């Protein structure tokens, strides 16, 4: 599925750009590093709750994460940025 491909690639790119390890991202999401590895390899998807946490942490839209748009612009509350 195209969404899984985009999600895995975007999570990987965002994590690397921020200099996070899979373990560190896992701690942010409440997941194991193995779960992050599986997410980045396309072996698993994620829940809406975790998708929102990813978007808030990386300051990108959920639409960007799942491939609806190529515009990563954060549209959330600037005061609520993680």
Protein backbone atom coordinates (compact mmCIF):
# COMPACT_ATOMS: atom_id res chain seq x y z
CA UNK A 1 0.00 0.00 0.00
CA UNK A 2 1.35 3.43 -0.95
CA UNK A 3 0.55 4.97 2.45
CA UNK A 4 2.73 2.43 4.29
CA UNK A 5 5.59 3.06 1.89
CA UNK A 6 5.41 6.82 2.40
CA UNK A 7 4.96 6.54 6.16
CA UNK A 8 7.99 4.29 6.58
CA UNK A 9 10.18 6.50 4.42
CA UNK A 10 9.05 9.73 6.03
CA UNK A 11 9.47 8.44 9.58
CA UNK A 12 12.98 7.25 8.71
CA UNK A 13 13.93 10.55 7.03
CA UNK A 14 12.52 12.68 9.85
CA UNK A 15 14.18 10.56 12.53
CA UNK A 16 17.56 10.72 10.79
CA UNK A 17 17.26 14.48 10.15
CA UNK A 18 16.73 15.02 13.87
CA UNK A 19 19.59 12.70 14.78
CA UNK A 20 17.43 10.30 16.77
CA UNK A 21 18.10 6.60 17.19
CA UNK A 22 15.29 4.10 16.81
CA UNK A 23 15.45 3.63 20.57
CA UNK A 24 15.01 7.36 21.21
CA UNK A 25 12.05 7.61 18.83
CA UNK A 26 10.59 4.53 20.46
CA UNK A 27 10.75 6.23 23.85
CA UNK A 28 8.91 9.26 22.45
CA UNK A 29 6.16 7.03 21.02
CA UNK A 30 6.07 4.50 23.84
CA UNK A 31 7.27 1.74 21.52
CA UNK A 32 10.30 -0.52 21.41
CA UNK A 33 13.18 0.06 19.02
CA UNK A 34 12.10 -3.19 17.31
CA UNK A 35 8.67 -1.64 16.65
CA UNK A 36 10.32 1.45 15.16
CA UNK A 37 12.51 -0.78 13.00
CA UNK A 38 9.43 -2.62 11.76
CA UNK A 39 7.62 0.68 11.11
CA UNK A 40 10.55 1.98 9.08
CA UNK A 41 10.84 -1.23 7.09
CA UNK A 42 7.13 -1.28 6.28
CA UNK A 43 6.55 -4.40 8.37
CA UNK A 44 3.94 -2.64 10.49
CA UNK A 45 1.78 0.44 10.41
CA UNK A 46 0.84 2.55 13.40
CA UNK A 47 -2.19 3.81 15.27
CA UNK A 48 -3.78 7.20 14.79
CA UNK A 49 -2.59 8.16 18.28
CA UNK A 50 1.04 7.38 17.39
CA UNK A 51 0.65 9.16 14.05
CA UNK A 52 -0.44 12.31 15.87
CA UNK A 53 2.50 12.05 18.28
CA UNK A 54 4.87 11.69 15.31
CA UNK A 55 3.36 14.74 13.62
CA UNK A 56 3.55 16.82 16.79
CA UNK A 57 7.10 15.76 17.57
CA UNK A 58 8.46 16.42 14.08
CA UNK A 59 6.20 19.46 13.52
CA UNK A 60 4.75 18.07 10.29
CA UNK A 61 1.19 17.36 9.26
CA UNK A 62 -0.31 13.89 9.48
CA UNK A 63 -1.28 14.36 5.83
CA UNK A 64 2.43 14.63 5.03
CA UNK A 65 3.28 11.50 7.01
CA UNK A 66 0.72 9.37 5.17
CA UNK A 67 1.37 10.83 1.73
CA UNK A 68 -1.76 12.88 1.14
CA UNK A 69 0.48 15.88 0.52
CA UNK A 70 4.16 16.54 -0.03
CA UNK A 71 3.87 19.73 2.01
CA UNK A 72 5.13 19.01 5.54
CA UNK A 73 3.86 22.33 6.94
CA UNK A 74 2.75 21.98 10.55
CA UNK A 75 -0.83 23.16 10.99
CA UNK A 76 -1.15 22.49 14.68
CA UNK A 77 -1.19 24.87 17.58
CA UNK A 78 2.20 26.63 17.79
CA UNK A 79 1.87 26.66 21.57
CA UNK A 80 1.37 22.89 21.57
CA UNK A 81 4.53 22.05 19.68
CA UNK A 82 6.56 19.35 21.38
